[in-house]
Amino acid sequence: MGKKRSHTGRPNPADEIKKEERETVSEEEIKTAAEAPAAVSAEEFEALKQEFEAQKDQFLRMAAEYDNFRKRTEKEKLATYDNAIGVAVEAFLPVVDNFALALDAGQNMPDEFRKGLELIQKKIENSLEKLHVKAFGERGDKFDPDYHNAIARVDDPEIEEDHITAVFQKGFMLNEKVIRHAMVQISNGNS
């Protein structure tokens, strides 16, 4: 209730020291309390064990979700990069086609001029190769609807059935993804 006061009306200093001694816990008492096993019933132990397992399971699931998220975003980032390259290359392909047509049509041009154009074409091919873009669709290749668009069928005894007899427009692929299908003519075989 009230504090003991000396005859002067002020608190007694001796009483204050005794109070502090009572509130202070010795290091030995702390050590003993920490080392002493807590008395827990079997039911409480099972409940704590189940709670621990649930927390552990939740942590493992969260770690797995994060790992999946990290892998998925990395894959999406690479796909975005490949898609951007694919769109840029697709816009550039008509220039590549027209350059090849000009080179094929210029059989009567001077040799120096033709060699210069061939060097330019080689640089274009090297640039596409650095971007992992490959051309496909050659005469004699087997027709594959996943890679080729057949625009005509002809009788050609020199080429097997369902093989390419002529290429009107080369196809291009970025890594394993088709950017543009090849436009081809295919053989009916020996008719």
Protein backbone atom coordinates (compact mmCIF):
# COMPACT_ATOMS: atom_id res chain seq x y z
CA MET A 1 0.00 0.00 0.00
CA GLY A 2 1.95 2.92 1.26
CA LYS A 3 5.69 3.05 1.57
CA LYS A 4 7.27 2.84 4.96
CA ARG A 5 8.41 6.20 5.95
CA SER A 6 10.84 7.18 8.53
CA HIS A 7 9.87 9.50 11.27
CA THR A 8 10.83 12.39 8.92
CA GLY A 9 8.17 11.42 6.39
CA ARG A 10 10.64 10.30 3.70
CA PRO A 11 11.11 6.70 2.45
CA ASN A 12 13.62 4.62 4.38
CA PRO A 13 16.78 3.98 2.24
CA ALA A 14 17.36 0.59 3.86
CA ASP A 15 13.91 -0.55 2.77
CA GLU A 16 14.67 0.54 -0.83
CA ILE A 17 17.86 -1.59 -0.94
CA LYS A 18 15.99 -4.67 0.35
CA LYS A 19 13.32 -4.15 -2.35
CA GLU A 20 15.97 -4.01 -5.12
CA GLU A 21 17.57 -7.20 -3.80
CA ARG A 22 14.21 -8.94 -3.97
CA GLU A 23 13.60 -7.78 -7.58
CA THR A 24 17.07 -8.74 -8.80
CA VAL A 25 17.36 -12.33 -10.05
CA SER A 26 20.75 -13.91 -9.74
CA GLU A 27 22.61 -15.29 -12.72
CA GLU A 28 22.53 -18.73 -11.14
CA GLU A 29 18.74 -18.65 -11.00
CA ILE A 30 18.56 -17.68 -14.68
CA LYS A 31 20.99 -20.45 -15.66
CA THR A 32 19.12 -23.03 -13.62
CA ALA A 33 15.77 -21.99 -15.12
CA ALA A 34 17.14 -22.20 -18.66
CA GLU A 35 18.66 -25.64 -18.13
CA ALA A 36 15.71 -27.11 -16.32
CA PRO A 37 13.36 -28.97 -18.64
CA ALA A 38 9.93 -27.47 -18.82
CA ALA A 39 7.25 -29.78 -17.65
CA VAL A 40 5.08 -30.38 -20.71
CA SER A 41 2.40 -32.99 -20.92
CA ALA A 42 2.35 -35.54 -23.73
CA GLU A 43 -0.73 -33.87 -25.24
CA GLU A 44 0.97 -30.46 -25.24
CA PHE A 45 4.09 -32.02 -26.76
CA GLU A 46 2.05 -33.61 -29.59
CA ALA A 47 0.24 -30.31 -30.21
CA LEU A 48 3.56 -28.45 -30.38
CA LYS A 49 5.02 -31.14 -32.63
CA GLN A 50 2.04 -30.87 -35.03
CA GLU A 51 2.30 -27.09 -35.05
CA PHE A 52 6.03 -27.36 -35.80
CA GLU A 53 5.38 -29.78 -38.68
CA ALA A 54 2.68 -27.48 -40.08
CA GLN A 55 5.04 -24.48 -39.92
CA LYS A 56 7.83 -26.52 -41.50
CA ASP A 57 5.50 -27.67 -44.30
CA GLN A 58 4.34 -24.10 -44.87
CA PHE A 59 7.95 -22.88 -45.03
CA LEU A 60 8.95 -25.60 -47.51
CA ARG A 61 5.95 -24.83 -49.71
CA MET A 62 6.75 -21.12 -49.67
CA ALA A 63 10.39 -21.84 -50.57
CA ALA A 64 9.27 -24.07 -53.46
CA GLU A 65 6.80 -21.44 -54.69
CA TYR A 66 9.51 -18.81 -54.63
CA ASP A 67 11.89 -21.06 -56.56
CA ASN A 68 9.19 -21.76 -59.17
CA PHE A 69 8.42 -18.03 -59.40
CA ARG A 70 12.12 -17.22 -59.91
CA LYS A 71 12.48 -19.85 -62.64
CA ARG A 72 9.25 -18.79 -64.35
CA THR A 73 10.19 -15.09 -64.43
CA GLU A 74 13.65 -15.94 -65.76
CA LYS A 75 12.07 -18.04 -68.51
CA GLU A 76 9.56 -15.27 -69.33
CA LYS A 77 12.37 -12.73 -69.50
CA LEU A 78 14.26 -14.88 -72.01
CA ALA A 79 11.07 -15.48 -74.01
CA THR A 80 10.43 -11.73 -74.14
CA TYR A 81 13.96 -11.19 -75.47
CA ASP A 82 13.50 -13.92 -78.11
CA ASN A 83 10.10 -12.52 -79.11
CA ALA A 84 11.60 -9.05 -79.56
CA ILE A 85 14.38 -10.46 -81.74
CA GLY A 86 11.80 -12.46 -83.72
CA VAL A 87 9.66 -9.39 -84.41
CA ALA A 88 12.69 -7.33 -85.46
CA VAL A 89 14.04 -10.06 -87.74
CA GLU A 90 10.59 -10.66 -89.25
CA ALA A 91 10.36 -6.97 -90.19
CA PHE A 92 13.83 -7.19 -91.77
CA LEU A 93 13.20 -10.39 -93.81
CA PRO A 94 11.67 -8.69 -96.89
CA VAL A 95 14.94 -6.77 -97.29
CA VAL A 96 16.90 -10.05 -97.06
CA ASP A 97 14.58 -11.63 -99.66
CA ASN A 98 14.84 -8.69 -102.08
CA PHE A 99 18.61 -8.57 -101.72
CA ALA A 100 18.85 -12.28 -102.59
CA LEU A 101 16.55 -11.77 -105.58
CA ALA A 102 18.64 -8.85 -106.81
CA LEU A 103 21.80 -10.91 -106.47
CA ASP A 104 20.25 -13.82 -108.41
CA ALA A 105 18.90 -11.51 -111.13
CA GLY A 106 22.19 -9.69 -111.58
CA GLN A 107 24.03 -12.39 -113.50
CA ASN A 108 25.30 -9.87 -116.08
CA MET A 109 26.74 -7.36 -113.58
CA PRO A 110 30.50 -6.73 -113.35
CA ASP A 111 32.42 -9.21 -111.20
CA GLU A 112 33.62 -6.59 -108.69
CA PHE A 113 30.08 -5.37 -108.14
CA ARG A 114 28.79 -8.93 -107.75
CA LYS A 115 31.57 -9.81 -105.27
CA GLY A 116 30.67 -6.73 -103.22
CA LEU A 117 27.00 -7.76 -103.10
CA GLU A 118 27.99 -11.31 -102.14
CA LEU A 119 30.11 -9.94 -99.26
CA ILE A 120 27.15 -7.88 -98.07
CA GLN A 121 24.90 -10.94 -98.24
CA LYS A 122 27.47 -12.93 -96.24
CA LYS A 123 27.52 -10.19 -93.55
CA ILE A 124 23.71 -10.29 -93.36
CA GLU A 125 23.81 -14.08 -92.93
CA ASN A 126 26.50 -13.78 -90.21
CA SER A 127 24.44 -11.15 -88.38
CA LEU A 128 21.38 -13.40 -88.45
CA GLU A 129 23.50 -16.32 -87.24
CA LYS A 130 24.74 -14.27 -84.27
CA LEU A 131 21.10 -13.72 -83.34
CA HIS A 132 20.55 -17.52 -83.59
CA VAL A 133 18.36 -17.10 -86.67
CA LYS A 134 18.68 -19.87 -89.26
CA ALA A 135 17.27 -20.12 -92.77
CA PHE A 136 15.63 -23.34 -93.91
CA GLY A 137 13.83 -24.74 -96.92
CA GLU A 138 16.02 -26.19 -99.67
CA ARG A 139 15.19 -28.10 -102.84
CA GLY A 140 15.11 -31.83 -102.02
CA ASP A 141 14.19 -31.41 -98.34
CA LYS A 142 11.25 -33.43 -97.01
CA PHE A 143 8.07 -31.38 -96.74
CA ASP A 144 7.04 -30.67 -93.14
CA PRO A 145 3.84 -28.66 -92.58
CA ASP A 146 5.28 -27.34 -89.30
CA TYR A 147 8.02 -25.55 -91.25
CA HIS A 148 6.80 -25.22 -94.85
CA ASN A 149 3.78 -23.76 -96.64
CA ALA A 150 3.10 -25.72 -99.82
CA ILE A 151 1.65 -23.44 -102.47
CA ALA A 152 1.83 -25.88 -105.38
CA ARG A 153 2.27 -29.55 -106.28
CA VAL A 154 4.03 -30.67 -109.44
CA ASP A 155 5.04 -33.92 -111.11
CA ASP A 156 8.82 -34.19 -110.84
CA PRO A 157 10.39 -37.57 -111.56
CA GLU A 158 13.76 -36.41 -110.15
CA ILE A 159 12.40 -35.72 -106.64
CA GLU A 160 10.57 -38.10 -104.30
CA GLU A 161 6.96 -37.56 -103.36
CA ASP A 162 6.35 -34.93 -100.63
CA HIS A 163 9.80 -33.41 -101.09
CA ILE A 164 10.48 -29.80 -102.06
CA THR A 165 11.00 -29.12 -105.76
CA ALA A 166 11.25 -25.31 -105.57
CA VAL A 167 11.59 -22.69 -102.85
CA PHE A 168 9.77 -19.41 -103.46
CA GLN A 169 10.59 -17.88 -100.10
CA LYS A 170 13.03 -19.21 -97.50
CA GLY A 171 11.82 -19.91 -94.01
CA PHE A 172 13.56 -18.60 -90.89
CA MET A 173 13.61 -19.80 -87.32
CA LEU A 174 14.93 -18.31 -84.09
CA ASN A 175 16.37 -21.09 -81.96
CA GLU A 176 13.54 -23.65 -82.29
CA LYS A 177 10.71 -21.20 -83.03
CA VAL A 178 9.59 -20.57 -86.61
CA ILE A 179 9.63 -16.86 -87.46
CA ARG A 180 8.45 -17.39 -91.03
CA HIS A 181 7.44 -20.58 -92.82
CA ALA A 182 9.13 -21.39 -96.12
CA MET A 183 6.90 -21.11 -99.21
CA VAL A 184 7.59 -24.15 -101.33
CA GLN A 185 6.43 -26.30 -104.20
CA ILE A 186 6.34 -30.03 -103.55
CA SER A 187 6.57 -33.09 -105.73
CA ASN A 188 3.87 -35.62 -106.49
CA GLY A 189 6.63 -38.10 -107.21
CA ASN A 190 6.97 -40.27 -110.33
CA SER A 191 3.64 -39.91 -112.10
